[in-house]
C-alpha cells in the first residue's frame, strides 16, 4: 500500500511539472500596433523578462518570442509608452492587437500629399550620387569656375549676390514642401493659426534651422514635433503685436 501511495505521489508531481513546463514554454507571436485606426511604424518593443526586442514595420506588424506572464513594453517618440502582459489566451491565439495613444504634444492626424518620386537617377539618365545644381547654384559655379571669374565677381559683388539667391531659392523649395505637407484645416484646427496668418507661419517655420532639416530629410515625425512648438511661439508673437 505504501509503495502504491508513493507511486501516486510521484505521478502527481510529474504531471504538475509537465503542466508547469507547458505553461512556461516560449512561443513566437505576431502583433499589430494601432494609433486610433492608423498602423504605426517604428515602434520599439522589448520583452522585459528576456530583453528580446522588435520593431513594428510599415503595416504596424511585429513578431517576438514570449511566454505566459512576460511583459512587453511599447515605446515611440510621438506615442505614450504602453505595457502589455502576455496571457495564455494570447499564446493560444498566436497574435495580439496593441492600441497606443499619441502624446499631447504630438499630432494625432496629419494628411500628407504624396508625390511620385520620379527622378533622372531612377530612370537611369544620370548616375546615382551625381551632384545636382539648382539654377542659382549653377550661376554661382559659373561665376567662380576660374580664378579670373572669382576675382572679377568678388570685386563687383556679384558672387555675394548670387549666394544670396541660392539661399532664397532653398527657402522657396522648403516653402513649397511645407505647403504640400498639411491641409489648411490642420493649421486652423490643430495649431490654432488664423487663416490670414498661415502663409506667415509657414515662412516662420522654414526660417527655423532644425525644422528646415526635418523637411529636407523628409522626417515627418520630427516635423510634426517641431511645428507644434513653433506654432506656440508664433501665436505668442501675434499676441504681442496686437
Protein backbone atom coordinates (compact mmCIF):
# COMPACT_ATOMS: atom_id res chain seq x y z
CA UNK A 1 0.00 0.00 0.00
CA UNK A 2 2.83 2.37 0.86
CA UNK A 3 4.51 1.70 -2.48
CA UNK A 4 1.26 2.45 -4.28
CA UNK A 5 0.90 5.78 -2.44
CA UNK A 6 4.47 6.71 -3.28
CA UNK A 7 3.90 5.93 -6.96
CA UNK A 8 0.75 8.07 -6.95
CA UNK A 9 2.66 10.99 -5.41
CA UNK A 10 5.48 10.65 -7.96
CA UNK A 11 2.96 10.53 -10.81
CA UNK A 12 1.19 13.60 -9.45
CA UNK A 13 4.46 15.55 -9.22
CA UNK A 14 5.36 14.58 -12.78
CA UNK A 15 2.01 15.80 -14.06
CA UNK A 16 2.39 19.10 -12.21
CA UNK A 17 5.93 19.55 -13.52
CA UNK A 18 4.88 18.82 -17.10
CA UNK A 19 1.95 21.21 -16.80
CA UNK A 20 4.19 23.90 -15.35
CA UNK A 21 6.68 23.43 -18.13
CA UNK A 22 3.97 23.75 -20.76
CA UNK A 23 2.74 27.00 -19.23
CA UNK A 24 6.25 28.44 -19.44
CA UNK A 25 7.03 27.36 -22.99
CA UNK A 26 8.27 30.23 -25.12
CA UNK A 27 6.44 30.90 -28.37
CA UNK A 28 6.79 33.41 -31.19
CA UNK A 29 3.65 35.50 -31.61
CA UNK A 30 2.75 38.27 -34.03
CA UNK A 31 1.13 41.58 -33.28
CA UNK A 32 -0.16 44.77 -34.88
CA UNK A 33 0.04 48.27 -33.42
CA UNK A 34 -2.54 51.00 -33.98
CA UNK A 35 -2.85 54.66 -33.00
CA UNK A 36 -6.58 55.27 -33.35
CA UNK A 37 -7.21 53.48 -36.69
CA UNK A 38 -3.74 54.04 -38.18
CA UNK A 39 -0.99 51.44 -38.38
CA UNK A 40 2.10 52.63 -36.53
CA UNK A 41 5.59 52.07 -37.94
CA UNK A 42 8.85 52.24 -35.97
CA UNK A 43 7.51 51.37 -32.51
CA UNK A 44 10.15 49.72 -30.31
CA UNK A 45 9.01 46.57 -28.49
CA UNK A 46 11.01 44.96 -25.68
CA UNK A 47 10.27 41.83 -23.64
CA UNK A 48 11.03 42.99 -20.08
CA UNK A 49 11.75 39.42 -18.97
CA UNK A 50 14.13 38.27 -21.71
CA UNK A 51 15.21 41.68 -23.10
CA UNK A 52 14.35 40.45 -26.61
CA UNK A 53 13.44 43.39 -28.88
CA UNK A 54 11.47 44.02 -32.06
CA UNK A 55 10.33 46.99 -34.18
CA UNK A 56 7.00 47.41 -35.97
CA UNK A 57 7.06 47.61 -39.78
CA UNK A 58 5.17 49.90 -42.18
CA UNK A 59 1.95 47.97 -41.52
CA UNK A 60 2.37 48.18 -37.74
CA UNK A 61 3.23 44.45 -37.65
CA UNK A 62 5.87 42.79 -35.48
CA UNK A 63 6.82 39.35 -34.13
CA UNK A 64 8.51 38.47 -30.84
CA UNK A 65 9.21 35.40 -28.68
CA UNK A 66 7.26 35.37 -25.39
CA UNK A 67 5.83 33.11 -22.71
CA UNK A 68 2.90 33.47 -20.33
CA UNK A 69 3.45 36.28 -17.83
CA UNK A 70 6.04 38.17 -19.88
CA UNK A 71 5.51 41.93 -20.06
CA UNK A 72 6.00 43.68 -23.40
CA UNK A 73 6.86 47.40 -23.32
CA UNK A 74 5.99 49.52 -26.38
CA UNK A 75 7.61 52.92 -26.92
CA UNK A 76 7.91 55.55 -29.65
CA UNK A 77 8.94 59.19 -29.84
CA UNK A 78 5.44 60.52 -30.50
CA UNK A 79 3.39 57.94 -28.54
CA UNK A 80 2.73 57.34 -24.85
CA UNK A 81 4.59 54.25 -23.52
CA UNK A 82 2.41 51.15 -23.22
CA UNK A 83 2.79 47.82 -21.38
CA UNK A 84 1.05 44.52 -22.17
CA UNK A 85 1.25 41.31 -20.09
CA UNK A 86 1.10 38.12 -22.14
CA UNK A 87 -1.69 35.71 -21.19
CA UNK A 88 -2.33 32.07 -22.05
CA UNK A 89 -5.08 33.25 -24.41
CA UNK A 90 -2.51 35.35 -26.28
CA UNK A 91 -0.26 32.31 -26.69
CA UNK A 92 -3.14 30.16 -27.91
CA UNK A 93 -4.27 32.70 -30.50
CA UNK A 94 -0.69 33.46 -31.54
CA UNK A 95 -1.37 37.15 -32.11
CA UNK A 96 -2.18 40.37 -30.24
CA UNK A 97 -3.51 43.82 -31.14
CA UNK A 98 -1.98 46.83 -29.39
CA UNK A 99 -3.62 50.26 -29.31
CA UNK A 100 -1.38 53.21 -28.40
CA UNK A 101 -2.13 56.89 -27.82
CA UNK A 102 -0.39 59.94 -29.26
CA UNK A 103 1.39 62.23 -26.81
CA UNK A 104 -0.34 65.54 -26.16
CA UNK A 105 2.42 67.49 -27.89
CA UNK A 106 2.12 65.32 -30.98
CA UNK A 107 -0.42 65.48 -33.80
CA UNK A 108 -2.88 62.60 -33.88
CA UNK A 109 -3.71 63.08 -37.54
CA UNK A 110 -1.84 64.51 -40.48
CA UNK A 111 -2.80 64.47 -44.15
CA UNK A 112 0.19 64.29 -46.44
CA UNK A 113 0.05 64.65 -50.21
CA UNK A 114 2.50 62.08 -51.55
CA UNK A 115 4.01 62.71 -54.97
CA UNK A 116 5.58 60.05 -57.17
CA UNK A 117 9.37 60.08 -56.76
CA UNK A 118 10.42 60.02 -60.43
CA UNK A 119 13.96 61.31 -60.95
CA UNK A 120 16.60 61.22 -63.67
CA UNK A 121 18.56 58.80 -61.47
CA UNK A 122 15.60 56.40 -61.17
CA UNK A 123 15.17 56.48 -64.95
CA UNK A 124 18.87 55.73 -65.50
CA UNK A 125 19.55 59.02 -67.29
CA UNK A 126 22.32 60.10 -64.89
CA UNK A 127 24.41 58.07 -62.39
CA UNK A 128 23.34 57.86 -58.74
CA UNK A 129 25.08 60.28 -56.38
CA UNK A 130 25.95 62.85 -59.05
CA UNK A 131 25.91 66.47 -57.80
CA UNK A 132 22.70 68.27 -58.78
CA UNK A 133 22.82 72.05 -59.13
CA UNK A 134 19.82 74.35 -58.83
CA UNK A 135 19.63 77.30 -61.28
CA UNK A 136 21.04 79.67 -58.64
CA UNK A 137 23.83 77.23 -57.72
CA UNK A 138 24.79 76.92 -61.40
CA UNK A 139 25.15 80.71 -61.57
CA UNK A 140 27.44 80.69 -58.52
CA UNK A 141 29.50 77.86 -60.04
CA UNK A 142 29.84 79.73 -63.33
CA UNK A 143 30.81 82.94 -61.53
CA UNK A 144 33.56 81.17 -59.56
CA UNK A 145 34.70 78.48 -62.01
CA UNK A 146 38.02 80.20 -62.87
CA UNK A 147 40.42 82.33 -60.85
CA UNK A 148 39.76 85.37 -63.10
CA UNK A 149 35.99 84.97 -62.70
CA UNK A 150 36.37 84.66 -58.93
CA UNK A 151 38.40 87.86 -58.72
CA UNK A 152 36.19 89.94 -61.01
CA UNK A 153 32.93 88.78 -59.47
CA UNK A 154 34.23 89.20 -55.93
CA UNK A 155 35.19 92.78 -56.73
CA UNK A 156 31.83 93.53 -58.34
CA UNK A 157 29.88 91.87 -55.54
CA UNK A 158 28.14 89.54 -57.99
CA UNK A 159 29.26 86.36 -56.15
CA UNK A 160 27.75 87.55 -52.86
CA UNK A 161 24.53 88.44 -54.66
CA UNK A 162 24.36 85.02 -56.32
CA UNK A 163 24.95 83.23 -53.00
CA UNK A 164 22.05 85.16 -51.51
CA UNK A 165 19.98 84.00 -54.46
CA UNK A 166 20.90 80.38 -53.62
CA UNK A 167 19.68 80.86 -50.04
CA UNK A 168 16.43 82.39 -51.28
CA UNK A 169 15.97 79.50 -53.69
CA UNK A 170 16.48 76.96 -50.90
CA UNK A 171 13.89 78.70 -48.73
CA UNK A 172 11.44 78.74 -51.64
CA UNK A 173 11.93 74.97 -52.04
CA UNK A 174 11.29 74.44 -48.31
CA UNK A 175 8.22 76.66 -48.51
CA UNK A 176 6.81 74.53 -51.35
CA UNK A 177 7.38 71.40 -49.26
CA UNK A 178 5.54 72.73 -46.21
CA UNK A 179 2.69 73.98 -48.44
CA UNK A 180 2.05 70.42 -49.61
CA UNK A 181 2.68 68.82 -46.22
CA UNK A 182 -0.51 69.82 -44.37
CA UNK A 183 -4.06 70.83 -45.25
CA UNK A 184 -5.41 74.27 -44.25
CA UNK A 185 -7.65 72.86 -41.50
CA UNK A 186 -4.57 71.34 -39.86
CA UNK A 187 -3.22 74.84 -39.22
CA UNK A 188 -6.53 76.30 -38.08
CA UNK A 189 -7.92 73.39 -36.05
CA UNK A 190 -4.81 71.66 -34.72
CA UNK A 191 -2.39 74.56 -34.32
CA UNK A 192 -4.95 77.38 -33.89
CA UNK A 193 -3.26 79.52 -36.53
CA UNK A 194 -5.68 82.09 -38.06
CA UNK A 195 -6.30 81.58 -41.79
CA UNK A 196 -4.88 85.01 -42.63
CA UNK A 197 -1.60 84.15 -40.85
CA UNK A 198 -0.97 80.67 -42.32
CA UNK A 199 1.46 81.88 -45.02
CA UNK A 200 3.35 83.97 -42.49
CA UNK A 201 3.57 80.99 -40.14
CA UNK A 202 4.89 78.77 -42.92
CA UNK A 203 7.65 81.30 -43.67
CA UNK A 204 8.41 81.46 -39.94
CA UNK A 205 8.79 77.67 -39.87
CA UNK A 206 11.17 77.40 -42.84
CA UNK A 207 13.41 80.02 -41.21
CA UNK A 208 13.92 77.62 -38.28
CA UNK A 209 17.12 75.63 -38.99
CA UNK A 210 16.02 72.47 -37.17
CA UNK A 211 12.64 72.41 -38.88
CA UNK A 212 14.28 73.02 -42.26
CA UNK A 213 16.46 69.94 -41.71
CA UNK A 214 13.40 67.83 -40.89
CA UNK A 215 11.76 68.94 -44.16
CA UNK A 216 14.92 68.26 -46.19
CA UNK A 217 15.31 64.77 -44.70
CA UNK A 218 11.57 64.04 -45.01
CA UNK A 219 11.39 63.22 -41.29
CA UNK A 220 7.63 63.54 -40.79
CA UNK A 221 7.71 62.66 -37.10
CA UNK A 222 10.29 65.34 -36.34
CA UNK A 223 8.43 67.92 -38.46
CA UNK A 224 5.22 67.17 -36.58
CA UNK A 225 7.02 67.51 -33.26
CA UNK A 226 8.80 70.78 -34.09
CA UNK A 227 5.88 72.55 -35.78
CA UNK A 228 3.75 72.23 -32.63
CA UNK A 229 6.29 74.19 -30.61
CA UNK A 230 6.81 76.69 -33.44
CA UNK A 231 3.04 77.32 -33.53
CA UNK A 232 3.02 78.16 -29.82
CA UNK A 233 5.87 80.64 -30.31
CA UNK A 234 4.25 82.18 -33.39
CA UNK A 235 0.92 82.67 -31.61
CA UNK A 236 2.79 84.46 -28.81
CA UNK A 237 4.39 86.78 -31.40
CA UNK A 238 0.96 87.53 -32.91
CA UNK A 239 -0.44 88.25 -29.47
CA UNK A 240 2.40 90.67 -28.64
CA UNK A 241 1.91 92.52 -31.94
CA UNK A 242 -1.69 93.39 -31.08
